[in-house]
C-alpha atoms as a PDB file:
ATOM      1  CA  UNK A   1     -85.476  71.182  30.627  1.00  0.00           C
ATOM      2  CA  UNK A   2     -84.867  73.840  27.996  1.00  0.00           C
ATOM      3  CA  UNK A   3     -82.187  75.389  30.224  1.00  0.00           C
ATOM      4  CA  UNK A   4     -80.398  72.038  30.546  1.00  0.00           C
ATOM      5  CA  UNK A   5     -80.538  71.480  26.775  1.00  0.00           C
ATOM      6  CA  UNK A   6     -79.166  74.963  26.158  1.00  0.00           C
ATOM      7  CA  UNK A   7     -76.395  74.400  28.699  1.00  0.00           C
ATOM      8  CA  UNK A   8     -75.414  71.061  27.180  1.00  0.00           C
ATOM      9  CA  UNK A   9     -75.391  72.537  23.671  1.00  0.00           C
ATOM     10  CA  UNK A  10     -73.358  75.538  24.822  1.00  0.00           C
ATOM     11  CA  UNK A  11     -70.776  73.354  26.578  1.00  0.00           C
ATOM     12  CA  UNK A  12     -70.565  71.010  23.559  1.00  0.00           C
ATOM     13  CA  UNK A  13     -70.007  73.998  21.241  1.00  0.00           C
ATOM     14  CA  UNK A  14     -67.267  75.340  23.509  1.00  0.00           C
ATOM     15  CA  UNK A  15     -65.655  71.902  23.562  1.00  0.00           C
ATOM     16  CA  UNK A  16     -65.693  71.748  19.767  1.00  0.00           C
ATOM     17  CA  UNK A  17     -64.208  75.215  19.450  1.00  0.00           C
ATOM     18  CA  UNK A  18     -61.517  74.344  22.004  1.00  0.00           C
ATOM     19  CA  UNK A  19     -60.655  71.174  20.055  1.00  0.00           C
ATOM     20  CA  UNK A  20     -60.361  73.204  16.829  1.00  0.00           C
ATOM     21  CA  UNK A  21     -58.130  75.775  18.521  1.00  0.00           C
ATOM     22  CA  UNK A  22     -55.912  73.039  19.968  1.00  0.00           C
ATOM     23  CA  UNK A  23     -55.674  71.426  16.530  1.00  0.00           C
ATOM     24  CA  UNK A  24     -54.668  74.720  14.931  1.00  0.00           C
ATOM     25  CA  UNK A  25     -52.135  75.358  17.695  1.00  0.00           C
ATOM     26  CA  UNK A  26     -50.576  71.913  17.282  1.00  0.00           C
ATOM     27  CA  UNK A  27     -50.400  72.299  13.496  1.00  0.00           C
ATOM     28  CA  UNK A  28     -48.653  75.648  13.870  1.00  0.00           C
ATOM     29  CA  UNK A  29     -45.985  74.191  16.150  1.00  0.00           C
ATOM     30  CA  UNK A  30     -45.712  70.835  14.370  1.00  0.00           C
ATOM     31  CA  UNK A  31     -42.151  71.576  13.231  1.00  0.00           C
ATOM     32  CA  UNK A  32     -41.090  72.417  16.791  1.00  0.00           C
ATOM     33  CA  UNK A  33     -42.635  69.180  18.061  1.00  0.00           C
ATOM     34  CA  UNK A  34     -40.683  67.248  15.438  1.00  0.00           C
ATOM     35  CA  UNK A  35     -37.469  69.000  16.542  1.00  0.00           C
ATOM     36  CA  UNK A  36     -38.183  68.091  20.167  1.00  0.00           C
ATOM     37  CA  UNK A  37     -38.950  64.468  19.319  1.00  0.00           C
ATOM     38  CA  UNK A  38     -35.791  64.120  17.213  1.00  0.00           C
ATOM     39  CA  UNK A  39     -33.630  65.747  19.901  1.00  0.00           C
ATOM     40  CA  UNK A  40     -35.066  63.545  22.650  1.00  0.00           C
ATOM     41  CA  UNK A  41     -34.541  60.477  20.487  1.00  0.00           C
ATOM     42  CA  UNK A  42     -30.888  61.383  19.876  1.00  0.00           C
ATOM     43  CA  UNK A  43     -30.366  62.076  23.591  1.00  0.00           C
ATOM     44  CA  UNK A  44     -31.817  58.690  24.544  1.00  0.00           C
ATOM     45  CA  UNK A  45     -29.595  57.052  21.922  1.00  0.00           C
ATOM     46  CA  UNK A  46     -26.437  58.702  23.311  1.00  0.00           C
ATOM     47  CA  UNK A  47     -27.347  58.104  26.966  1.00  0.00           C
ATOM     48  CA  UNK A  48     -26.189  54.434  27.076  1.00  0.00           C
ATOM     49  CA  UNK A  49     -22.741  55.485  25.842  1.00  0.00           C
ATOM     50  CA  UNK A  50     -22.597  58.206  28.514  1.00  0.00           C
ATOM     51  CA  UNK A  51     -23.531  55.692  31.215  1.00  0.00           C
ATOM     52  CA  UNK A  52     -20.859  53.313  29.930  1.00  0.00           C
ATOM     53  CA  UNK A  53     -18.244  56.033  30.407  1.00  0.00           C
ATOM     54  CA  UNK A  54     -19.686  56.788  33.853  1.00  0.00           C
ATOM     55  CA  UNK A  55     -19.182  53.155  34.853  1.00  0.00           C
ATOM     56  CA  UNK A  56     -15.551  53.558  33.769  1.00  0.00           C
ATOM     57  CA  UNK A  57     -15.096  56.273  36.385  1.00  0.00           C
ATOM     58  CA  UNK A  58     -15.811  59.493  34.471  1.00  0.00           C
ATOM     59  CA  UNK A  59     -18.125  62.159  35.875  1.00  0.00           C
ATOM     60  CA  UNK A  60     -21.393  62.530  33.962  1.00  0.00           C
ATOM     61  CA  UNK A  61     -20.706  66.044  32.623  1.00  0.00           C
ATOM     62  CA  UNK A  62     -17.280  64.989  31.341  1.00  0.00           C
ATOM     63  CA  UNK A  63     -18.789  61.855  29.792  1.00  0.00           C
ATOM     64  CA  UNK A  64     -21.518  63.947  28.115  1.00  0.00           C
ATOM     65  CA  UNK A  65     -18.908  66.368  26.770  1.00  0.00           C
ATOM     66  CA  UNK A  66     -16.778  63.567  25.298  1.00  0.00           C
ATOM     67  CA  UNK A  67     -19.747  61.754  23.736  1.00  0.00           C
ATOM     68  CA  UNK A  68     -21.238  64.921  22.289  1.00  0.00           C
ATOM     69  CA  UNK A  69     -17.948  66.160  20.840  1.00  0.00           C
ATOM     70  CA  UNK A  70     -17.428  62.772  19.180  1.00  0.00           C
ATOM     71  CA  UNK A  71     -21.042  62.813  17.949  1.00  0.00           C
ATOM     72  CA  UNK A  72     -20.665  66.253  16.335  1.00  0.00           C
ATOM     73  CA  UNK A  73     -17.268  65.291  14.872  1.00  0.00           C
ATOM     74  CA  UNK A  74     -18.851  62.176  13.356  1.00  0.00           C
ATOM     75  CA  UNK A  75     -21.678  64.220  11.814  1.00  0.00           C
ATOM     76  CA  UNK A  76     -19.251  66.749  10.333  1.00  0.00           C
ATOM     77  CA  UNK A  77     -16.984  64.007   8.994  1.00  0.00           C
ATOM     78  CA  UNK A  78     -19.887  62.155   7.376  1.00  0.00           C
ATOM     79  CA  UNK A  79     -21.192  65.378   5.834  1.00  0.00           C
ATOM     80  CA  UNK A  80     -17.808  66.213   4.331  1.00  0.00           C
ATOM     81  CA  UNK A  81     -17.555  62.704   2.882  1.00  0.00           C
ATOM     82  CA  UNK A  82     -21.143  62.245   1.745  1.00  0.00           C
ATOM     83  CA  UNK A  83     -22.466  65.667   0.672  1.00  0.00           C
ATOM     84  CA  UNK A  84     -20.009  66.242  -2.234  1.00  0.00           C
ATOM     85  CA  UNK A  85     -20.686  62.737  -3.561  1.00  0.00           C
ATOM     86  CA  UNK A  86     -24.458  63.145  -3.239  1.00  0.00           C
ATOM     87  CA  UNK A  87     -24.403  66.536  -5.013  1.00  0.00           C
ATOM     88  CA  UNK A  88     -22.156  65.263  -7.811  1.00  0.00           C
ATOM     89  CA  UNK A  89     -24.014  61.989  -8.401  1.00  0.00           C
ATOM     90  CA  UNK A  90     -27.444  63.540  -7.792  1.00  0.00           C
ATOM     91  CA  UNK A  91     -26.754  66.122 -10.504  1.00  0.00           C
ATOM     92  CA  UNK A  92     -25.476  63.419 -12.825  1.00  0.00           C
ATOM     93  CA  UNK A  93     -28.554  61.316 -12.111  1.00  0.00           C
ATOM     94  CA  UNK A  94     -30.969  64.114 -13.055  1.00  0.00           C
ATOM     95  CA  UNK A  95     -29.086  65.355 -16.116  1.00  0.00           C
ATOM     96  CA  UNK A  96     -28.258  61.870 -17.357  1.00  0.00           C
ATOM     97  CA  UNK A  97     -31.736  60.428 -16.929  1.00  0.00           C
ATOM     98  CA  UNK A  98     -32.813  60.985 -20.585  1.00  0.00           C
ATOM     99  CA  UNK A  99     -29.689  59.225 -21.853  1.00  0.00           C
ATOM    100  CA  UNK A 100     -30.229  56.417 -19.346  1.00  0.00           C
ATOM    101  CA  UNK A 101     -33.772  55.898 -20.614  1.00  0.00           C
ATOM    102  CA  UNK A 102     -32.563  55.898 -24.219  1.00  0.00           C
ATOM    103  CA  UNK A 103     -29.871  53.304 -23.468  1.00  0.00           C
ATOM    104  CA  UNK A 104     -32.381  51.194 -21.602  1.00  0.00           C
ATOM    105  CA  UNK A 105     -34.797  51.321 -24.550  1.00  0.00           C
ATOM    106  CA  UNK A 106     -32.047  50.012 -26.849  1.00  0.00           C
ATOM    107  CA  UNK A 107     -31.284  46.940 -24.742  1.00  0.00           C
ATOM    108  CA  UNK A 108     -32.424  43.578 -26.196  1.00  0.00           C
ATOM    109  CA  UNK A 109     -34.325  42.510 -23.080  1.00  0.00           C
ATOM    110  CA  UNK A 110     -36.373  45.725 -23.107  1.00  0.00           C
ATOM    111  CA  UNK A 111     -37.092  45.452 -26.832  1.00  0.00           C
ATOM    112  CA  UNK A 112     -38.373  41.887 -26.316  1.00  0.00           C
ATOM    113  CA  UNK A 113     -40.488  42.886 -23.297  1.00  0.00           C
ATOM    114  CA  UNK A 114     -41.910  45.906 -25.104  1.00  0.00           C
ATOM    115  CA  UNK A 115     -42.758  43.760 -28.113  1.00  0.00           C
ATOM    116  CA  UNK A 116     -44.527  41.230 -25.881  1.00  0.00           C
ATOM    117  CA  UNK A 117     -46.582  44.066 -24.362  1.00  0.00           C
ATOM    118  CA  UNK A 118     -47.596  45.395 -27.766  1.00  0.00           C
ATOM    119  CA  UNK A 119     -45.197  48.345 -27.844  1.00  0.00           C
ATOM    120  CA  UNK A 120     -46.842  50.180 -24.954  1.00  0.00           C
ATOM    121  CA  UNK A 121     -43.512  51.046 -23.263  1.00  0.00           C
ATOM    122  CA  UNK A 122     -42.227  53.939 -25.362  1.00  0.00           C
ATOM    123  CA  UNK A 123     -39.119  55.086 -23.497  1.00  0.00           C
ATOM    124  CA  UNK A 124     -37.729  56.941 -26.495  1.00  0.00           C
ATOM    125  CA  UNK A 125     -40.603  59.417 -26.478  1.00  0.00           C
ATOM    126  CA  UNK A 126     -40.307  59.741 -22.690  1.00  0.00           C
ATOM    127  CA  UNK A 127     -36.565  60.373 -23.028  1.00  0.00           C
ATOM    128  CA  UNK A 128     -37.116  63.080 -25.651  1.00  0.00           C
ATOM    129  CA  UNK A 129     -39.778  64.804 -23.548  1.00  0.00           C
ATOM    130  CA  UNK A 130     -37.607  64.600 -20.446  1.00  0.00           C
ATOM    131  CA  UNK A 131     -34.588  65.963 -22.299  1.00  0.00           C
ATOM    132  CA  UNK A 132     -36.662  68.903 -23.529  1.00  0.00           C
ATOM    133  CA  UNK A 133     -37.985  69.523 -20.015  1.00  0.00           C
ATOM    134  CA  UNK A 134     -34.538  69.441 -18.365  1.00  0.00           C
ATOM    135  CA  UNK A 135     -33.021  71.711 -21.004  1.00  0.00           C
ATOM    136  CA  UNK A 136     -35.244  74.564 -19.822  1.00  0.00           C
ATOM    137  CA  UNK A 137     -33.694  76.326 -16.771  1.00  0.00           C
ATOM    138  CA  UNK A 138     -37.130  77.514 -15.667  1.00  0.00           C
ATOM    139  CA  UNK A 139     -38.302  73.923 -15.398  1.00  0.00           C
ATOM    140  CA  UNK A 140     -35.254  72.962 -13.339  1.00  0.00           C
ATOM    141  CA  UNK A 141     -35.993  75.796 -10.948  1.00  0.00           C
ATOM    142  CA  UNK A 142     -39.658  74.838 -10.736  1.00  0.00           C
ATOM    143  CA  UNK A 143     -38.757  71.290  -9.647  1.00  0.00           C
ATOM    144  CA  UNK A 144     -37.922  72.666  -6.219  1.00  0.00           C
ATOM    145  CA  UNK A 145     -40.572  75.355  -6.250  1.00  0.00           C
ATOM    146  CA  UNK A 146     -38.171  78.032  -7.393  1.00  0.00           C
ATOM    147  CA  UNK A 147     -34.622  78.951  -6.452  1.00  0.00           C
ATOM    148  CA  UNK A 148     -35.800  81.134  -3.568  1.00  0.00           C
ATOM    149  CA  UNK A 149     -37.776  78.280  -2.036  1.00  0.00           C
ATOM    150  CA  UNK A 150     -34.865  75.885  -2.461  1.00  0.00           C
ATOM    151  CA  UNK A 151     -32.545  78.338  -0.737  1.00  0.00           C
ATOM    152  CA  UNK A 152     -35.076  78.819   2.052  1.00  0.00           C
ATOM    153  CA  UNK A 153     -35.412  75.062   2.500  1.00  0.00           C
ATOM    154  CA  UNK A 154     -31.628  74.656   2.712  1.00  0.00           C
ATOM    155  CA  UNK A 155     -31.325  77.430   5.313  1.00  0.00           C
ATOM    156  CA  UNK A 156     -34.283  76.008   7.219  1.00  0.00           C
ATOM    157  CA  UNK A 157     -32.725  72.552   7.172  1.00  0.00           C
ATOM    158  CA  UNK A 158     -29.419  73.865   8.505  1.00  0.00           C
ATOM    159  CA  UNK A 159     -31.207  75.842  11.216  1.00  0.00           C
ATOM    160  CA  UNK A 160     -33.307  72.803  12.121  1.00  0.00           C
ATOM    161  CA  UNK A 161     -30.241  70.574  12.350  1.00  0.00           C
ATOM    162  CA  UNK A 162     -28.431  73.031  14.630  1.00  0.00           C
ATOM    163  CA  UNK A 163     -31.554  73.375  16.785  1.00  0.00           C
ATOM    164  CA  UNK A 164     -31.890  69.603  17.143  1.00  0.00           C
ATOM    165  CA  UNK A 165     -28.211  69.227  18.107  1.00  0.00           C
ATOM    166  CA  UNK A 166     -28.487  71.950  20.773  1.00  0.00           C
ATOM    167  CA  UNK A 167     -31.726  70.505  22.158  1.00  0.00           C
ATOM    168  CA  UNK A 168     -30.132  67.042  22.244  1.00  0.00           C
ATOM    169  CA  UNK A 169     -27.316  68.389  24.415  1.00  0.00           C
ATOM    170  CA  UNK A 170     -29.807  69.964  26.842  1.00  0.00           C
ATOM    171  CA  UNK A 171     -31.918  66.795  26.980  1.00  0.00           C
ATOM    172  CA  UNK A 172     -28.855  64.620  27.561  1.00  0.00           C
ATOM    173  CA  UNK A 173     -27.536  66.878  30.328  1.00  0.00           C
ATOM    174  CA  UNK A 174     -30.868  67.165  32.147  1.00  0.00           C
ATOM    175  CA  UNK A 175     -32.140  63.611  31.613  1.00  0.00           C
ATOM    176  CA  UNK A 176     -31.508  62.376  35.165  1.00  0.00           C
ATOM    177  CA  UNK A 177     -32.766  65.598  36.755  1.00  0.00           C
ATOM    178  CA  UNK A 178     -35.923  65.506  34.620  1.00  0.00           C
ATOM    179  CA  UNK A 179     -36.644  61.905  35.556  1.00  0.00           C
ATOM    180  CA  UNK A 180     -36.108  62.661  39.253  1.00  0.00           C
ATOM    181  CA  UNK A 181     -38.487  65.629  39.066  1.00  0.00           C
ATOM    182  CA  UNK A 182     -41.140  63.494  37.383  1.00  0.00           C
ATOM    183  CA  UNK A 183     -40.719  60.752  40.003  1.00  0.00           C
ATOM    184  CA  UNK A 184     -41.523  63.273  42.752  1.00  0.00           C
ATOM    185  CA  UNK A 185     -44.961  63.785  41.207  1.00  0.00           C
ATOM    186  CA  UNK A 186     -45.792  60.092  41.655  1.00  0.00           C
ATOM    187  CA  UNK A 187     -47.177  58.880  45.019  1.00  0.00           C
ATOM    188  CA  UNK A 188     -44.431  57.330  47.167  1.00  0.00           C
ATOM    189  CA  UNK A 189     -46.261  53.994  47.309  1.00  0.00           C
ATOM    190  CA  UNK A 190     -46.111  53.632  43.505  1.00  0.00           C
ATOM    191  CA  UNK A 191     -42.805  55.412  42.869  1.00  0.00           C
ATOM    192  CA  UNK A 192     -40.602  52.292  42.818  1.00  0.00           C
ATOM    193  CA  UNK A 193     -42.697  50.695  40.091  1.00  0.00           C
ATOM    194  CA  UNK A 194     -42.729  53.867  37.994  1.00  0.00           C
ATOM    195  CA  UNK A 195     -38.942  54.221  38.355  1.00  0.00           C
ATOM    196  CA  UNK A 196     -38.433  50.609  37.258  1.00  0.00           C
ATOM    197  CA  UNK A 197     -40.702  50.913  34.211  1.00  0.00           C
ATOM    198  CA  UNK A 198     -39.223  54.278  33.190  1.00  0.00           C
ATOM    199  CA  UNK A 199     -35.663  52.967  33.410  1.00  0.00           C
ATOM    200  CA  UNK A 200     -36.636  49.967  31.267  1.00  0.00           C
ATOM    201  CA  UNK A 201     -38.222  52.226  28.660  1.00  0.00           C
ATOM    202  CA  UNK A 202     -35.269  54.646  28.574  1.00  0.00           C
ATOM    203  CA  UNK A 203     -32.721  51.816  28.289  1.00  0.00           C
ATOM    204  CA  UNK A 204     -34.798  50.056  25.637  1.00  0.00           C
ATOM    205  CA  UNK A 205     -35.159  53.196  23.515  1.00  0.00           C
ATOM    206  CA  UNK A 206     -31.473  54.088  23.847  1.00  0.00           C
ATOM    207  CA  UNK A 207     -30.277  50.648  22.802  1.00  0.00           C
ATOM    208  CA  UNK A 208     -32.777  50.553  19.962  1.00  0.00           C
ATOM    209  CA  UNK A 209     -31.619  53.895  18.524  1.00  0.00           C
ATOM    210  CA  UNK A 210     -27.965  52.831  18.597  1.00  0.00           C
ATOM    211  CA  UNK A 211     -28.788  49.425  17.145  1.00  0.00           C
ATOM    212  CA  UNK A 212     -30.948  50.759  14.323  1.00  0.00           C
ATOM    213  CA  UNK A 213     -28.324  53.313  13.314  1.00  0.00           C
ATOM    214  CA  UNK A 214     -25.642  50.585  13.273  1.00  0.00           C
ATOM    215  CA  UNK A 215     -27.827  48.344  11.101  1.00  0.00           C
ATOM    216  CA  UNK A 216     -28.652  51.227   8.752  1.00  0.00           C
ATOM    217  CA  UNK A 217     -24.969  52.153   8.477  1.00  0.00           C
ATOM    218  CA  UNK A 218     -24.048  48.549   7.654  1.00  0.00           C
ATOM    219  CA  UNK A 219     -26.751  48.510   4.977  1.00  0.00           C
ATOM    220  CA  UNK A 220     -25.440  51.733   3.434  1.00  0.00           C
ATOM    221  CA  UNK A 221     -21.715  50.899   3.618  1.00  0.00           C
ATOM    222  CA  UNK A 222     -21.948  47.273   2.490  1.00  0.00           C
ATOM    223  CA  UNK A 223     -24.483  48.271  -0.154  1.00  0.00           C
ATOM    224  CA  UNK A 224     -22.107  50.930  -1.493  1.00  0.00           C
ATOM    225  CA  UNK A 225     -19.282  48.373  -1.738  1.00  0.00           C
ATOM    226  CA  UNK A 226     -21.539  45.854  -3.481  1.00  0.00           C
ATOM    227  CA  UNK A 227     -22.956  48.431  -5.907  1.00  0.00           C
ATOM    228  CA  UNK A 228     -19.455  49.663  -6.759  1.00  0.00           C
ATOM    229  CA  UNK A 229     -18.165  46.141  -7.420  1.00  0.00           C
ATOM    230  CA  UNK A 230     -21.222  45.063  -9.421  1.00  0.00           C
ATOM    231  CA  UNK A 231     -21.361  48.286 -11.432  1.00  0.00           C
ATOM    232  CA  UNK A 232     -24.650  49.831 -10.332  1.00  0.00           C
ATOM    233  CA  UNK A 233     -24.597  53.536 -11.310  1.00  0.00           C
ATOM    234  CA  UNK A 234     -24.870  56.337  -8.761  1.00  0.00           C
ATOM    235  CA  UNK A 235     -23.695  54.084  -5.916  1.00  0.00           C
ATOM    236  CA  UNK A 236     -23.001  57.039  -3.603  1.00  0.00           C
ATOM    237  CA  UNK A 237     -26.491  58.507  -3.786  1.00  0.00           C
ATOM    238  CA  UNK A 238     -28.130  55.095  -3.582  1.00  0.00           C
ATOM    239  CA  UNK A 239     -26.024  54.187  -0.523  1.00  0.00           C
ATOM    240  CA  UNK A 240     -27.247  57.306   1.288  1.00  0.00           C
ATOM    241  CA  UNK A 241     -30.834  56.478   0.308  1.00  0.00           C
ATOM    242  CA  UNK A 242     -30.318  52.882   1.488  1.00  0.00           C
ATOM    243  CA  UNK A 243     -29.037  54.150   4.847  1.00  0.00           C
ATOM    244  CA  UNK A 244     -32.037  56.441   5.349  1.00  0.00           C
ATOM    245  CA  UNK A 245     -34.537  53.785   4.287  1.00  0.00           C
ATOM    246  CA  UNK A 246     -32.884  51.177   6.532  1.00  0.00           C
ATOM    247  CA  UNK A 247     -33.786  53.346   9.528  1.00  0.00           C
ATOM    248  CA  UNK A 248     -37.347  52.173   8.892  1.00  0.00           C
ATOM    249  CA  UNK A 249     -37.579  48.751  10.580  1.00  0.00           C
ATOM    250  CA  UNK A 250     -38.310  45.617   8.532  1.00  0.00           C
ATOM    251  CA  UNK A 251     -39.599  47.298   5.361  1.00  0.00           C
ATOM    252  CA  UNK A 252     -36.831  49.862   4.842  1.00  0.00           C
ATOM    253  CA  UNK A 253     -34.195  47.425   3.610  1.00  0.00           C
ATOM    254  CA  UNK A 254     -36.703  45.779   1.269  1.00  0.00           C
ATOM    255  CA  UNK A 255     -37.647  49.148  -0.264  1.00  0.00           C
ATOM    256  CA  UNK A 256     -33.990  50.088  -0.766  1.00  0.00           C
ATOM    257  CA  UNK A 257     -33.313  46.701  -2.380  1.00  0.00           C
ATOM    258  CA  UNK A 258     -36.163  47.201  -4.872  1.00  0.00           C
ATOM    259  CA  UNK A 259     -34.987  50.734  -5.666  1.00  0.00           C
ATOM    260  CA  UNK A 260     -31.342  49.753  -6.218  1.00  0.00           C
ATOM    261  CA  UNK A 261     -32.363  46.741  -8.310  1.00  0.00           C
ATOM    262  CA  UNK A 262     -34.501  48.997 -10.514  1.00  0.00           C
ATOM    263  CA  UNK A 263     -31.536  51.324 -11.049  1.00  0.00           C
ATOM    264  CA  UNK A 264     -29.333  48.316 -11.821  1.00  0.00           C
ATOM    265  CA  UNK A 265     -31.822  47.290 -14.471  1.00  0.00           C
ATOM    266  CA  UNK A 266     -31.006  50.445 -16.425  1.00  0.00           C
ATOM    267  CA  UNK A 267     -27.536  48.985 -16.956  1.00  0.00           C
ATOM    268  CA  UNK A 268     -28.438  45.387 -17.758  1.00  0.00           C
ATOM    269  CA  UNK A 269     -30.519  42.488 -16.446  1.00  0.00           C
ATOM    270  CA  UNK A 270     -27.314  40.852 -15.199  1.00  0.00           C
ATOM    271  CA  UNK A 271     -26.489  43.882 -13.059  1.00  0.00           C
ATOM    272  CA  UNK A 272     -29.994  43.928 -11.612  1.00  0.00           C
ATOM    273  CA  UNK A 273     -29.931  40.186 -10.862  1.00  0.00           C
ATOM    274  CA  UNK A 274     -26.504  40.429  -9.227  1.00  0.00           C
ATOM    275  CA  UNK A 275     -27.449  43.289  -6.909  1.00  0.00           C
ATOM    276  CA  UNK A 276     -30.784  41.631  -6.118  1.00  0.00           C
ATOM    277  CA  UNK A 277     -28.940  38.448  -5.106  1.00  0.00           C
ATOM    278  CA  UNK A 278     -26.631  40.524  -2.897  1.00  0.00           C
ATOM    279  CA  UNK A 279     -29.582  42.137  -1.110  1.00  0.00           C
ATOM    280  CA  UNK A 280     -31.299  38.778  -0.617  1.00  0.00           C
ATOM    281  CA  UNK A 281     -28.143  37.424   1.020  1.00  0.00           C
ATOM    282  CA  UNK A 282     -27.623  40.603   3.046  1.00  0.00           C
ATOM    283  CA  UNK A 283     -31.200  40.584   4.374  1.00  0.00           C
ATOM    284  CA  UNK A 284     -30.759  37.005   5.579  1.00  0.00           C
ATOM    285  CA  UNK A 285     -27.467  37.865   7.273  1.00  0.00           C
ATOM    286  CA  UNK A 286     -29.001  40.972   8.824  1.00  0.00           C
ATOM    287  CA  UNK A 287     -32.042  39.081  10.087  1.00  0.00           C
ATOM    288  CA  UNK A 288     -30.175  36.106  11.572  1.00  0.00           C
ATOM    289  CA  UNK A 289     -26.716  37.503  12.426  1.00  0.00           C
ATOM    290  CA  UNK A 290     -26.541  41.302  12.654  1.00  0.00           C
ATOM    291  CA  UNK A 291     -29.952  42.104  14.126  1.00  0.00           C
ATOM    292  CA  UNK A 292     -29.943  39.506  16.961  1.00  0.00           C
ATOM    293  CA  UNK A 293     -26.481  40.645  18.061  1.00  0.00           C
ATOM    294  CA  UNK A 294     -27.057  44.377  17.748  1.00  0.00           C
ATOM    295  CA  UNK A 295     -30.651  44.475  18.975  1.00  0.00           C
ATOM    296  CA  UNK A 296     -30.298  41.998  21.852  1.00  0.00           C
ATOM    297  CA  UNK A 297     -32.161  43.247  24.943  1.00  0.00           C
ATOM    298  CA  UNK A 298     -33.138  46.429  23.127  1.00  0.00           C
ATOM    299  CA  UNK A 299     -36.749  45.807  22.101  1.00  0.00           C
ATOM    300  CA  UNK A 300     -39.082  42.842  22.122  1.00  0.00           C
ATOM    301  CA  UNK A 301     -41.949  43.653  19.784  1.00  0.00           C
ATOM    302  CA  UNK A 302     -43.916  41.204  17.587  1.00  0.00           C
ATOM    303  CA  UNK A 303     -43.213  41.623  13.876  1.00  0.00           C
ATOM    304  CA  UNK A 304     -46.788  42.562  12.964  1.00  0.00           C
ATOM    305  CA  UNK A 305     -46.755  45.411  15.520  1.00  0.00           C
ATOM    306  CA  UNK A 306     -43.423  46.604  14.119  1.00  0.00           C
ATOM    307  CA  UNK A 307     -44.902  46.840  10.615  1.00  0.00           C
ATOM    308  CA  UNK A 308     -48.090  48.562  11.804  1.00  0.00           C
ATOM    309  CA  UNK A 309     -46.140  50.984  13.984  1.00  0.00           C
ATOM    310  CA  UNK A 310     -43.675  51.786  11.183  1.00  0.00           C
ATOM    311  CA  UNK A 311     -46.507  52.463   8.722  1.00  0.00           C
ATOM    312  CA  UNK A 312     -48.421  54.698  11.136  1.00  0.00           C
ATOM    313  CA  UNK A 313     -45.311  56.539  12.314  1.00  0.00           C
ATOM    314  CA  UNK A 314     -44.010  56.964   8.775  1.00  0.00           C
ATOM    315  CA  UNK A 315     -47.330  58.395   7.630  1.00  0.00           C
ATOM    316  CA  UNK A 316     -47.422  60.915  10.482  1.00  0.00           C
ATOM    317  CA  UNK A 317     -43.768  61.981  10.762  1.00  0.00           C
ATOM    318  CA  UNK A 318     -41.882  60.417   7.857  1.00  0.00           C
ATOM    319  CA  UNK A 319     -38.601  58.606   8.594  1.00  0.00           C
ATOM    320  CA  UNK A 320     -38.503  60.026  12.119  1.00  0.00           C
ATOM    321  CA  UNK A 321     -41.968  58.649  12.826  1.00  0.00           C
ATOM    322  CA  UNK A 322     -41.053  55.222  11.463  1.00  0.00           C
ATOM    323  CA  UNK A 323     -37.904  55.180  13.587  1.00  0.00           C
ATOM    324  CA  UNK A 324     -39.771  56.282  16.731  1.00  0.00           C
ATOM    325  CA  UNK A 325     -42.646  53.857  16.196  1.00  0.00           C
ATOM    326  CA  UNK A 326     -40.874  50.692  17.364  1.00  0.00           C
ATOM    327  CA  UNK A 327     -39.549  51.971  20.732  1.00  0.00           C
ATOM    328  CA  UNK A 328     -42.890  53.683  21.362  1.00  0.00           C
ATOM    329  CA  UNK A 329     -44.642  50.377  20.705  1.00  0.00           C
ATOM    330  CA  UNK A 330     -42.117  48.583  22.947  1.00  0.00           C
ATOM    331  CA  UNK A 331     -42.746  51.147  25.706  1.00  0.00           C
ATOM    332  CA  UNK A 332     -46.497  50.604  25.476  1.00  0.00           C
ATOM    333  CA  UNK A 333     -45.980  46.830  25.659  1.00  0.00           C
ATOM    334  CA  UNK A 334     -43.783  47.230  28.775  1.00  0.00           C
ATOM    335  CA  UNK A 335     -46.533  49.265  30.446  1.00  0.00           C
ATOM    336  CA  UNK A 336     -49.203  46.756  29.391  1.00  0.00           C
ATOM    337  CA  UNK A 337     -47.203  43.753  30.658  1.00  0.00           C
ATOM    338  CA  UNK A 338     -46.138  45.281  33.973  1.00  0.00           C
ATOM    339  CA  UNK A 339     -49.131  47.457  34.865  1.00  0.00           C
ATOM    340  CA  UNK A 340     -52.323  46.484  33.068  1.00  0.00           C
ATOM    341  CA  UNK A 341     -51.861  42.692  32.956  1.00  0.00           C
ATOM    342  CA  UNK A 342     -51.018  42.349  36.706  1.00  0.00           C
ATOM    343  CA  UNK A 343     -54.069  44.460  37.576  1.00  0.00           C
ATOM    344  CA  UNK A 344     -56.287  42.268  35.432  1.00  0.00           C
ATOM    345  CA  UNK A 345     -54.832  39.118  37.014  1.00  0.00           C
ATOM    346  CA  UNK A 346     -55.430  40.500  40.505  1.00  0.00           C
ATOM    347  CA  UNK A 347     -59.160  41.008  39.888  1.00  0.00           C
END
């Protein structure tokens, strides 16, 4: 009896230590796992375009080469167009923030609101403190953890981007071979069902990635045009932020609308109301016109699961996690509907 208790305790201790070691190992390679997930996601998003070219008569390797060259050219073109604007307007946003707060504090609507709240909103003091903080070069450097850390982050980001692009090319080129190798591990009697489910998941994820990027791009481009016409400051930076946030399903566009409206409020209430009206109209058009057309046959996930998945994925992996959450949820639902439910019905 004592021997059995000792054995159980020993095995349980070993199991706990093994779990700790696995946790430490996963945390140490977390960045690599994120690179792999991002690269696989990009490969699945480009795969439908490759297959479209294959159906037009091109060999797969030639189709992959064409799609990937166009993909890289698009990235480079966007970077050349966006990065200078983001740097210029981002710098202006930081350095001009004290003046923006001072102008906002002088507007009649703010004076009335501050008076109604008993003078608790003292933007003038905040503007003075912020101006003093930004005038110190040491403080500016400390915002990013020091110039050396900022430079390291930039180099790391460039290296990570190149790594993801290279991995995406390998994943895209070996996608069919990898699936075939995995199919061979499945018993022949169940292989047809696994092939069918896998193809559905791969097609669903690929169409979803393309669709979400198209919707996010429309949000960023149309938002930039609207912000420029209405007079919202820093339209370039806000358009990039709107694009990134729109990658998060359902809630991303709402968050970007709130953020842009808040920035518009620094100009005037009329500017904020105008851009808020634009976003309300855009969200209706996106929900009832753009999204059904772009996302048709891509994913079929209940709204509540989309929100839960986006929140969980965003908490774990940021924007990438929020973007991955919906197709992962759709994949699980496909497996549940075609594997688990039929087994339950057959009992």
